[in-house]
Amino acid sequence: MAVLDITIYGDQALRVKCKPVTEITPELVALAHDMLDTMYDAGGVGLAAPQVAKDMRLVVIDPTRPDEDEKPAPRIIFNPEWGAEPDSEDVPYDEGCLSVPDIFCNVYRPGKIWIRYTNELGETVEEHNVEGLLCRCFQHETDHLDGKLFVDVISTADRALNRSKLRDMAKKSKKAKKR
């Protein structure tokens, strides 16, 4: 497998509403495994296709903690959908993103959701009452597929605190694209 380049804040690939995957091919499954390698290499728990400059509704997630002796549990997710469970409440969490390095901010999201997606075998998976880091990652990564970043939904104060970092990141991203 291969480690791919991760797109950084300012790259237009991160602002595209991605196309649904209509057929799961061996090439797409191989891409998903490359994305997992990339995510693990970067120390992340999730990665979406636009973060590797691919316009498709594909994410990979592994919310396990190897440092806490948890066995890896990677998920390959095509065409994800989710919704808040009726008894869910919004909860804060200090989010970060591989495409927005070195910025972490509180983001409020539903704390309990249902999820639906197609796995790498072409099977539909549906789960209810998903909580914790899987819940958070699923929402964060699905946002990427709609061209949204976590910094789009942070507080005004956090946005002001990180404005110069984001501006510098966007400038570097544009310079790297010109090369």
N, C-alpha and C. Protein backbone atom coordinates (compact mmCIF):
# COMPACT_ATOMS: atom_id res chain seq x y z
N MET A 1 0.83 -1.18 0.00
CA MET A 1 0.00 0.00 0.00
C MET A 1 0.88 1.25 0.00
N ALA A 2 0.23 2.39 -0.16
CA ALA A 2 0.99 3.64 -0.30
C ALA A 2 0.45 4.71 0.63
N VAL A 3 1.35 5.60 1.01
CA VAL A 3 0.97 6.78 1.78
C VAL A 3 0.76 7.91 0.77
N LEU A 4 -0.42 8.52 0.81
CA LEU A 4 -0.79 9.56 -0.14
C LEU A 4 -0.53 10.94 0.44
N ASP A 5 -0.48 11.95 -0.43
CA ASP A 5 -0.35 13.33 0.02
C ASP A 5 -1.70 13.81 0.56
N ILE A 6 -1.67 14.50 1.68
CA ILE A 6 -2.89 15.04 2.28
C ILE A 6 -3.05 16.49 1.85
N THR A 7 -4.23 16.83 1.34
CA THR A 7 -4.51 18.21 0.95
C THR A 7 -4.67 19.05 2.22
N ILE A 8 -4.20 20.29 2.11
CA ILE A 8 -4.18 21.19 3.26
C ILE A 8 -5.16 22.34 3.04
N TYR A 9 -5.65 22.88 4.14
CA TYR A 9 -6.58 24.01 4.14
C TYR A 9 -6.15 25.04 3.09
N GLY A 10 -7.11 25.45 2.30
CA GLY A 10 -6.84 26.39 1.20
C GLY A 10 -6.93 25.71 -0.15
N ASP A 11 -6.77 24.39 -0.17
CA ASP A 11 -6.89 23.62 -1.41
C ASP A 11 -8.37 23.47 -1.76
N GLN A 12 -8.72 23.79 -2.99
CA GLN A 12 -10.13 23.74 -3.41
C GLN A 12 -10.73 22.34 -3.39
N ALA A 13 -9.90 21.30 -3.41
CA ALA A 13 -10.40 19.92 -3.33
C ALA A 13 -11.19 19.70 -2.04
N LEU A 14 -10.88 20.48 -1.00
CA LEU A 14 -11.57 20.33 0.28
C LEU A 14 -12.94 21.01 0.30
N ARG A 15 -13.27 21.75 -0.76
CA ARG A 15 -14.53 22.51 -0.79
C ARG A 15 -15.54 21.97 -1.80
N VAL A 16 -15.28 20.77 -2.31
CA VAL A 16 -16.14 20.17 -3.33
C VAL A 16 -17.18 19.26 -2.66
N LYS A 17 -18.41 19.32 -3.15
CA LYS A 17 -19.42 18.33 -2.73
C LYS A 17 -19.16 17.09 -3.58
N CYS A 18 -18.73 16.02 -2.94
CA CYS A 18 -18.25 14.83 -3.64
C CYS A 18 -19.38 14.02 -4.27
N LYS A 19 -18.99 13.32 -5.34
CA LYS A 19 -19.93 12.47 -6.09
C LYS A 19 -20.11 11.13 -5.38
N PRO A 20 -21.34 10.59 -5.42
CA PRO A 20 -21.57 9.25 -4.84
C PRO A 20 -20.76 8.19 -5.60
N VAL A 21 -20.42 7.14 -4.89
CA VAL A 21 -19.76 5.99 -5.50
C VAL A 21 -20.87 5.06 -6.00
N THR A 22 -20.85 4.77 -7.30
CA THR A 22 -21.91 3.95 -7.88
C THR A 22 -21.54 2.48 -7.97
N GLU A 23 -20.24 2.20 -7.97
CA GLU A 23 -19.78 0.80 -8.04
C GLU A 23 -18.50 0.67 -7.23
N ILE A 24 -18.47 -0.33 -6.38
CA ILE A 24 -17.27 -0.57 -5.57
C ILE A 24 -16.37 -1.52 -6.35
N THR A 25 -15.24 -0.99 -6.78
CA THR A 25 -14.30 -1.76 -7.60
C THR A 25 -13.07 -2.12 -6.78
N PRO A 26 -12.28 -3.08 -7.25
CA PRO A 26 -11.02 -3.39 -6.56
C PRO A 26 -10.11 -2.16 -6.46
N GLU A 27 -10.16 -1.29 -7.48
CA GLU A 27 -9.32 -0.08 -7.46
C GLU A 27 -9.75 0.86 -6.33
N LEU A 28 -11.05 0.97 -6.10
CA LEU A 28 -11.53 1.83 -5.02
C LEU A 28 -11.20 1.24 -3.65
N VAL A 29 -11.28 -0.06 -3.53
CA VAL A 29 -10.91 -0.71 -2.27
C VAL A 29 -9.41 -0.52 -2.02
N ALA A 30 -8.60 -0.62 -3.07
CA ALA A 30 -7.16 -0.38 -2.93
C ALA A 30 -6.90 1.06 -2.50
N LEU A 31 -7.63 2.02 -3.10
CA LEU A 31 -7.50 3.43 -2.69
C LEU A 31 -7.85 3.57 -1.22
N ALA A 32 -8.92 2.92 -0.77
CA ALA A 32 -9.32 3.00 0.63
C ALA A 32 -8.22 2.46 1.54
N HIS A 33 -7.56 1.39 1.14
CA HIS A 33 -6.45 0.86 1.95
C HIS A 33 -5.27 1.83 1.96
N ASP A 34 -5.01 2.49 0.84
CA ASP A 34 -3.97 3.53 0.81
C ASP A 34 -4.36 4.69 1.74
N MET A 35 -5.64 5.01 1.76
CA MET A 35 -6.11 6.07 2.66
C MET A 35 -5.93 5.67 4.12
N LEU A 36 -6.19 4.41 4.44
CA LEU A 36 -5.95 3.93 5.81
C LEU A 36 -4.47 4.04 6.15
N ASP A 37 -3.59 3.63 5.24
CA ASP A 37 -2.15 3.75 5.49
C ASP A 37 -1.77 5.21 5.72
N THR A 38 -2.34 6.09 4.93
CA THR A 38 -2.06 7.53 5.04
C THR A 38 -2.54 8.05 6.39
N MET A 39 -3.76 7.67 6.78
CA MET A 39 -4.33 8.10 8.05
C MET A 39 -3.48 7.62 9.23
N TYR A 40 -3.11 6.34 9.21
CA TYR A 40 -2.28 5.80 10.29
C TYR A 40 -0.92 6.50 10.33
N ASP A 41 -0.32 6.71 9.16
CA ASP A 41 0.98 7.36 9.08
C ASP A 41 0.94 8.77 9.67
N ALA A 42 -0.18 9.46 9.47
CA ALA A 42 -0.33 10.84 9.94
C ALA A 42 -0.84 10.92 11.38
N GLY A 43 -1.17 9.77 11.96
CA GLY A 43 -1.65 9.76 13.34
C GLY A 43 -3.11 10.17 13.49
N GLY A 44 -3.90 9.99 12.44
CA GLY A 44 -5.30 10.38 12.48
C GLY A 44 -6.22 9.21 12.81
N VAL A 45 -7.51 9.53 12.96
CA VAL A 45 -8.52 8.51 13.21
C VAL A 45 -9.56 8.46 12.10
N GLY A 46 -9.44 9.36 11.14
CA GLY A 46 -10.35 9.38 10.00
C GLY A 46 -9.73 10.14 8.85
N LEU A 47 -10.17 9.81 7.64
CA LEU A 47 -9.67 10.48 6.44
C LEU A 47 -10.74 10.36 5.36
N ALA A 48 -11.03 11.47 4.70
CA ALA A 48 -12.03 11.49 3.64
C ALA A 48 -11.35 11.66 2.29
N ALA A 49 -11.99 11.15 1.24
CA ALA A 49 -11.42 11.19 -0.10
C ALA A 49 -10.95 12.58 -0.54
N PRO A 50 -11.69 13.66 -0.27
CA PRO A 50 -11.19 14.97 -0.70
C PRO A 50 -9.87 15.37 -0.02
N GLN A 51 -9.58 14.75 1.10
CA GLN A 51 -8.32 15.04 1.79
C GLN A 51 -7.12 14.44 1.05
N VAL A 52 -7.39 13.57 0.08
CA VAL A 52 -6.33 13.06 -0.79
C VAL A 52 -6.67 13.42 -2.25
N ALA A 53 -7.44 14.51 -2.39
CA ALA A 53 -7.78 15.11 -3.69
C ALA A 53 -8.60 14.17 -4.59
N LYS A 54 -9.49 13.41 -3.99
CA LYS A 54 -10.38 12.53 -4.75
C LYS A 54 -11.83 12.99 -4.56
N ASP A 55 -12.55 13.12 -5.65
CA ASP A 55 -13.93 13.58 -5.64
C ASP A 55 -14.87 12.39 -5.60
N MET A 56 -15.03 11.81 -4.41
CA MET A 56 -15.95 10.68 -4.24
C MET A 56 -16.34 10.57 -2.78
N ARG A 57 -17.49 9.97 -2.55
CA ARG A 57 -18.01 9.82 -1.20
C ARG A 57 -17.44 8.54 -0.56
N LEU A 58 -16.21 8.69 -0.10
CA LEU A 58 -15.45 7.60 0.53
C LEU A 58 -14.72 8.15 1.74
N VAL A 59 -14.86 7.48 2.87
CA VAL A 59 -14.08 7.82 4.06
C VAL A 59 -13.55 6.55 4.70
N VAL A 60 -12.49 6.70 5.44
CA VAL A 60 -11.98 5.60 6.26
C VAL A 60 -11.89 6.12 7.69
N ILE A 61 -12.21 5.23 8.62
CA ILE A 61 -12.22 5.61 10.03
C ILE A 61 -11.67 4.44 10.85
N ASP A 62 -10.87 4.77 11.86
CA ASP A 62 -10.48 3.79 12.87
C ASP A 62 -10.32 4.54 14.19
N PRO A 63 -11.38 4.53 15.00
CA PRO A 63 -11.33 5.30 16.25
C PRO A 63 -10.65 4.57 17.42
N THR A 64 -10.00 3.45 17.16
CA THR A 64 -9.35 2.71 18.26
C THR A 64 -8.11 3.46 18.72
N ARG A 65 -7.67 3.10 19.89
CA ARG A 65 -6.48 3.71 20.50
C ARG A 65 -5.42 2.64 20.72
N PRO A 66 -4.49 2.48 19.76
CA PRO A 66 -3.45 1.45 19.92
C PRO A 66 -2.61 1.65 21.18
N ASP A 67 -2.44 2.92 21.60
CA ASP A 67 -1.65 3.19 22.79
C ASP A 67 -2.36 2.70 24.06
N GLU A 68 -3.64 2.39 23.94
CA GLU A 68 -4.41 1.85 25.07
C GLU A 68 -4.70 0.36 24.84
N ASP A 69 -3.87 -0.28 24.01
CA ASP A 69 -3.96 -1.71 23.71
C ASP A 69 -5.26 -2.11 23.03
N GLU A 70 -5.88 -1.19 22.32
CA GLU A 70 -7.07 -1.55 21.54
C GLU A 70 -6.63 -2.12 20.21
N LYS A 71 -7.31 -3.15 19.77
CA LYS A 71 -7.02 -3.77 18.48
C LYS A 71 -7.59 -2.88 17.37
N PRO A 72 -6.83 -2.63 16.30
CA PRO A 72 -7.35 -1.79 15.21
C PRO A 72 -8.69 -2.31 14.68
N ALA A 73 -9.56 -1.37 14.33
CA ALA A 73 -10.88 -1.71 13.79
C ALA A 73 -11.20 -0.76 12.64
N PRO A 74 -10.41 -0.84 11.56
CA PRO A 74 -10.64 0.09 10.46
C PRO A 74 -11.97 -0.15 9.76
N ARG A 75 -12.59 0.95 9.34
CA ARG A 75 -13.83 0.88 8.56
C ARG A 75 -13.61 1.61 7.24
N ILE A 76 -14.02 0.95 6.18
CA ILE A 76 -14.04 1.55 4.84
C ILE A 76 -15.50 1.86 4.55
N ILE A 77 -15.78 3.13 4.27
CA ILE A 77 -17.15 3.62 4.24
C ILE A 77 -17.43 4.35 2.93
N PHE A 78 -18.33 3.79 2.13
CA PHE A 78 -18.76 4.43 0.89
C PHE A 78 -20.15 5.03 1.11
N ASN A 79 -20.37 6.21 0.57
CA ASN A 79 -21.68 6.88 0.59
C ASN A 79 -22.30 6.94 1.99
N PRO A 80 -21.58 7.51 2.96
CA PRO A 80 -22.10 7.56 4.32
C PRO A 80 -23.29 8.49 4.48
N GLU A 81 -24.17 8.10 5.38
CA GLU A 81 -25.31 8.91 5.80
C GLU A 81 -25.39 8.82 7.31
N TRP A 82 -25.90 9.85 7.94
CA TRP A 82 -26.11 9.81 9.38
C TRP A 82 -27.21 10.79 9.77
N GLY A 83 -27.73 10.59 10.96
CA GLY A 83 -28.70 11.51 11.54
C GLY A 83 -28.65 11.39 13.04
N ALA A 84 -29.04 12.46 13.72
CA ALA A 84 -29.07 12.45 15.18
C ALA A 84 -30.19 11.54 15.67
N GLU A 85 -29.91 10.78 16.71
CA GLU A 85 -30.95 9.98 17.35
C GLU A 85 -31.89 10.94 18.09
N PRO A 86 -33.17 10.56 18.25
CA PRO A 86 -34.15 11.46 18.87
C PRO A 86 -33.75 11.97 20.26
N ASP A 87 -33.04 11.15 21.03
CA ASP A 87 -32.67 11.56 22.39
C ASP A 87 -31.25 12.13 22.46
N SER A 88 -30.67 12.45 21.32
CA SER A 88 -29.30 12.97 21.30
C SER A 88 -29.26 14.44 21.72
N GLU A 89 -28.16 14.80 22.34
CA GLU A 89 -27.88 16.20 22.68
C GLU A 89 -26.55 16.57 22.06
N ASP A 90 -26.40 17.84 21.69
CA ASP A 90 -25.13 18.31 21.16
C ASP A 90 -24.09 18.34 22.28
N VAL A 91 -22.90 17.83 21.96
CA VAL A 91 -21.81 17.80 22.94
C VAL A 91 -20.56 18.40 22.32
N PRO A 92 -19.74 19.06 23.15
CA PRO A 92 -18.49 19.63 22.63
C PRO A 92 -17.38 18.59 22.60
N TYR A 93 -16.45 18.80 21.69
CA TYR A 93 -15.26 17.94 21.61
C TYR A 93 -14.18 18.76 20.94
N ASP A 94 -12.96 18.64 21.41
CA ASP A 94 -11.83 19.37 20.86
C ASP A 94 -11.38 18.66 19.58
N GLU A 95 -11.84 19.15 18.44
CA GLU A 95 -11.56 18.51 17.15
C GLU A 95 -10.31 19.08 16.51
N GLY A 96 -9.67 18.22 15.74
CA GLY A 96 -8.56 18.60 14.88
C GLY A 96 -8.79 17.94 13.53
N CYS A 97 -7.91 18.19 12.59
CA CYS A 97 -8.08 17.65 11.24
C CYS A 97 -6.72 17.53 10.58
N LEU A 98 -6.49 16.42 9.88
CA LEU A 98 -5.22 16.23 9.18
C LEU A 98 -5.02 17.28 8.08
N SER A 99 -6.10 17.85 7.56
CA SER A 99 -6.00 18.88 6.52
C SER A 99 -5.91 20.29 7.10
N VAL A 100 -6.05 20.40 8.41
CA VAL A 100 -5.93 21.69 9.09
C VAL A 100 -4.97 21.47 10.27
N PRO A 101 -3.69 21.23 9.96
CA PRO A 101 -2.75 20.83 11.01
C PRO A 101 -2.55 21.89 12.09
N ASP A 102 -2.35 21.40 13.30
CA ASP A 102 -1.99 22.23 14.46
C ASP A 102 -3.09 23.18 14.93
N ILE A 103 -4.33 22.93 14.53
CA ILE A 103 -5.44 23.72 15.05
C ILE A 103 -6.44 22.73 15.67
N PHE A 104 -6.81 23.01 16.90
CA PHE A 104 -7.78 22.20 17.62
C PHE A 104 -8.77 23.15 18.28
N CYS A 105 -10.06 22.90 18.06
CA CYS A 105 -11.10 23.76 18.61
C CYS A 105 -12.31 22.93 19.02
N ASN A 106 -13.04 23.46 19.99
CA ASN A 106 -14.28 22.82 20.41
C ASN A 106 -15.32 22.93 19.31
N VAL A 107 -15.95 21.82 19.00
CA VAL A 107 -17.04 21.77 18.03
C VAL A 107 -18.20 21.02 18.69
N TYR A 108 -19.37 21.59 18.59
CA TYR A 108 -20.58 20.94 19.12
C TYR A 108 -21.22 20.12 18.01
N ARG A 109 -21.46 18.85 18.31
CA ARG A 109 -22.12 17.93 17.37
C ARG A 109 -23.05 17.02 18.17
N PRO A 110 -24.02 16.39 17.49
CA PRO A 110 -24.85 15.42 18.19
C PRO A 110 -24.00 14.31 18.82
N GLY A 111 -24.34 13.93 20.04
CA GLY A 111 -23.57 12.93 20.77
C GLY A 111 -24.01 11.50 20.53
N LYS A 112 -25.14 11.33 19.81
CA LYS A 112 -25.62 9.98 19.52
C LYS A 112 -26.31 10.03 18.16
N ILE A 113 -25.84 9.17 17.24
CA ILE A 113 -26.37 9.20 15.87
C ILE A 113 -26.66 7.79 15.37
N TRP A 114 -27.41 7.73 14.27
CA TRP A 114 -27.52 6.49 13.48
C TRP A 114 -26.64 6.69 12.26
N ILE A 115 -26.08 5.61 11.76
CA ILE A 115 -25.22 5.67 10.57
C ILE A 115 -25.65 4.61 9.56
N ARG A 116 -25.43 4.92 8.29
CA ARG A 116 -25.70 3.98 7.21
C ARG A 116 -24.63 4.21 6.14
N TYR A 117 -24.11 3.11 5.60
CA TYR A 117 -23.10 3.21 4.55
C TYR A 117 -22.96 1.87 3.86
N THR A 118 -22.19 1.88 2.79
CA THR A 118 -21.85 0.65 2.09
C THR A 118 -20.39 0.33 2.41
N ASN A 119 -20.11 -0.91 2.79
CA ASN A 119 -18.73 -1.29 3.10
C ASN A 119 -18.00 -1.76 1.85
N GLU A 120 -16.76 -2.17 2.00
CA GLU A 120 -15.93 -2.56 0.86
C GLU A 120 -16.42 -3.84 0.17
N LEU A 121 -17.31 -4.58 0.83
CA LEU A 121 -17.88 -5.79 0.23
C LEU A 121 -19.18 -5.50 -0.51
N GLY A 122 -19.60 -4.23 -0.51
CA GLY A 122 -20.84 -3.85 -1.17
C GLY A 122 -22.07 -4.06 -0.30
N GLU A 123 -21.85 -4.34 0.98
CA GLU A 123 -22.96 -4.57 1.92
C GLU A 123 -23.39 -3.25 2.56
N THR A 124 -24.69 -3.11 2.75
CA THR A 124 -25.21 -1.95 3.47
C THR A 124 -25.08 -2.21 4.97
N VAL A 125 -24.49 -1.26 5.67
CA VAL A 125 -24.32 -1.36 7.12
C VAL A 125 -25.16 -0.25 7.74
N GLU A 126 -25.93 -0.60 8.75
CA GLU A 126 -26.71 0.40 9.48
C GLU A 126 -26.55 0.12 10.97
N GLU A 127 -26.25 1.17 11.72
CA GLU A 127 -26.09 1.05 13.17
C GLU A 127 -26.84 2.20 13.83
N HIS A 128 -27.36 1.92 15.01
CA HIS A 128 -28.07 2.94 15.79
C HIS A 128 -27.36 3.18 17.11
N ASN A 129 -27.61 4.36 17.68
CA ASN A 129 -27.05 4.73 18.98
C ASN A 129 -25.53 4.71 18.99
N VAL A 130 -24.94 5.19 17.90
CA VAL A 130 -23.48 5.29 17.80
C VAL A 130 -23.03 6.49 18.62
N GLU A 131 -22.06 6.28 19.49
CA GLU A 131 -21.57 7.35 20.37
C GLU A 131 -20.05 7.38 20.35
N GLY A 132 -19.48 8.28 21.12
CA GLY A 132 -18.04 8.36 21.32
C GLY A 132 -17.28 8.83 20.08
N LEU A 133 -16.05 8.35 19.96
CA LEU A 133 -15.17 8.82 18.89
C LEU A 133 -15.67 8.40 17.51
N LEU A 134 -16.28 7.23 17.39
CA LEU A 134 -16.83 6.82 16.09
C LEU A 134 -17.92 7.80 15.66
N CYS A 135 -18.78 8.18 16.57
CA CYS A 135 -19.84 9.15 16.30
C CYS A 135 -19.24 10.46 15.80
N ARG A 136 -18.25 10.96 16.49
CA ARG A 136 -17.60 12.22 16.16
C ARG A 136 -16.91 12.12 14.80
N CYS A 137 -16.12 11.06 14.59
CA CYS A 137 -15.38 10.90 13.33
C CYS A 137 -16.33 10.78 12.14
N PHE A 138 -17.40 10.02 12.31
CA PHE A 138 -18.34 9.83 11.21
C PHE A 138 -18.90 11.16 10.75
N GLN A 139 -19.27 12.02 11.69
CA GLN A 139 -19.81 13.33 11.34
C GLN A 139 -18.74 14.23 10.70
N HIS A 140 -17.57 14.25 11.29
CA HIS A 140 -16.47 15.08 10.80
C HIS A 140 -16.09 14.69 9.37
N GLU A 141 -15.91 13.39 9.14
CA GLU A 141 -15.48 12.93 7.82
C GLU A 141 -16.58 13.10 6.77
N THR A 142 -17.84 12.90 7.17
CA THR A 142 -18.94 13.11 6.23
C THR A 142 -19.04 14.58 5.85
N ASP A 143 -18.77 15.47 6.79
CA ASP A 143 -18.72 16.91 6.46
C ASP A 143 -17.74 17.17 5.32
N HIS A 144 -16.58 16.51 5.34
CA HIS A 144 -15.59 16.68 4.27
C HIS A 144 -16.20 16.38 2.90
N LEU A 145 -17.07 15.39 2.84
CA LEU A 145 -17.67 14.99 1.56
C LEU A 145 -18.64 16.04 1.03
N ASP A 146 -19.04 16.95 1.91
CA ASP A 146 -19.94 18.04 1.52
C ASP A 146 -19.19 19.37 1.41
N GLY A 147 -17.86 19.32 1.44
CA GLY A 147 -17.06 20.53 1.30
C GLY A 147 -16.98 21.37 2.56
N LYS A 148 -17.32 20.77 3.71
CA LYS A 148 -17.28 21.50 4.98
C LYS A 148 -16.09 21.05 5.82
N LEU A 149 -15.49 22.01 6.51
CA LEU A 149 -14.39 21.72 7.43
C LEU A 149 -14.81 22.09 8.85
N PHE A 150 -14.18 21.50 9.83
CA PHE A 150 -14.56 21.79 11.21
C PHE A 150 -14.35 23.26 11.55
N VAL A 151 -13.40 23.91 10.90
CA VAL A 151 -13.16 25.34 11.19
C VAL A 151 -14.30 26.22 10.67
N ASP A 152 -15.19 25.65 9.87
CA ASP A 152 -16.37 26.40 9.40
C ASP A 152 -17.42 26.52 10.49
N VAL A 153 -17.35 25.66 11.50
CA VAL A 153 -18.39 25.64 12.53
C VAL A 153 -17.87 25.93 13.93
N ILE A 154 -16.67 26.47 14.03
CA ILE A 154 -16.12 26.81 15.35
C ILE A 154 -16.68 28.16 15.80
N SER A 155 -16.49 28.46 17.04
CA SER A 155 -17.00 29.71 17.60
C SER A 155 -16.29 30.91 16.97
N THR A 156 -16.93 32.06 17.07
CA THR A 156 -16.35 33.30 16.56
C THR A 156 -15.01 33.58 17.25
N ALA A 157 -14.94 33.30 18.55
CA ALA A 157 -13.69 33.53 19.30
C ALA A 157 -12.57 32.62 18.78
N ASP A 158 -12.88 31.32 18.58
CA ASP A 158 -11.87 30.40 18.06
C ASP A 158 -11.44 30.78 16.64
N ARG A 159 -12.39 31.24 15.86
CA ARG A 159 -12.08 31.67 14.49
C ARG A 159 -11.10 32.85 14.52
N ALA A 160 -11.37 33.81 15.42
CA ALA A 160 -10.50 34.98 15.54
C ALA A 160 -9.11 34.57 16.02
N LEU A 161 -9.05 33.64 16.97
CA LEU A 161 -7.76 33.17 17.49
C LEU A 161 -6.92 32.47 16.43
N ASN A 162 -7.57 31.82 15.48
CA ASN A 162 -6.85 31.02 14.48
C ASN A 162 -6.81 31.65 13.09
N ARG A 163 -7.31 32.85 12.96
CA ARG A 163 -7.40 33.51 11.65
C ARG A 163 -6.04 33.57 10.93
N SER A 164 -5.01 33.99 11.64
CA SER A 164 -3.70 34.13 10.97
C SER A 164 -3.11 32.77 10.60
N LYS A 165 -3.29 31.76 11.45
CA LYS A 165 -2.81 30.41 11.12
C LYS A 165 -3.50 29.90 9.85
N LEU A 166 -4.82 30.10 9.78
CA LEU A 166 -5.58 29.63 8.62
C LEU A 166 -5.17 30.38 7.36
N ARG A 167 -4.96 31.67 7.48
CA ARG A 167 -4.53 32.48 6.33
C ARG A 167 -3.17 31.99 5.83
N ASP A 168 -2.23 31.78 6.75
CA ASP A 168 -0.89 31.29 6.36
C ASP A 168 -0.97 29.91 5.72
N MET A 169 -1.82 29.05 6.28
CA MET A 169 -1.98 27.70 5.75
C MET A 169 -2.51 27.76 4.31
N ALA A 170 -3.50 28.61 4.08
CA ALA A 170 -4.09 28.74 2.75
C ALA A 170 -3.06 29.27 1.75
N LYS A 171 -2.24 30.21 2.17
CA LYS A 171 -1.19 30.75 1.28
C LYS A 171 -0.19 29.66 0.91
N LYS A 172 0.25 28.89 1.90
CA LYS A 172 1.20 27.80 1.63
C LYS A 172 0.61 26.76 0.71
N SER A 173 -0.66 26.44 0.92
CA SER A 173 -1.35 25.46 0.10
C SER A 173 -1.40 25.92 -1.37
N LYS A 174 -1.69 27.18 -1.58
CA LYS A 174 -1.76 27.72 -2.95
C LYS A 174 -0.39 27.75 -3.60
N LYS A 175 0.66 28.08 -2.83
CA LYS A 175 2.02 28.08 -3.37
C LYS A 175 2.43 26.66 -3.75
N ALA A 176 2.09 25.70 -2.91
CA ALA A 176 2.45 24.30 -3.21
C ALA A 176 1.75 23.82 -4.47
N LYS A 177 0.53 24.25 -4.70
CA LYS A 177 -0.21 23.86 -5.90
C LYS A 177 0.44 24.39 -7.18
N LYS A 178 1.06 25.56 -7.09
CA LYS A 178 1.68 26.18 -8.28
C LYS A 178 2.94 25.45 -8.72
N ARG A 179 3.54 24.71 -7.82
CA ARG A 179 4.78 24.00 -8.16
C ARG A 179 4.53 22.85 -9.08
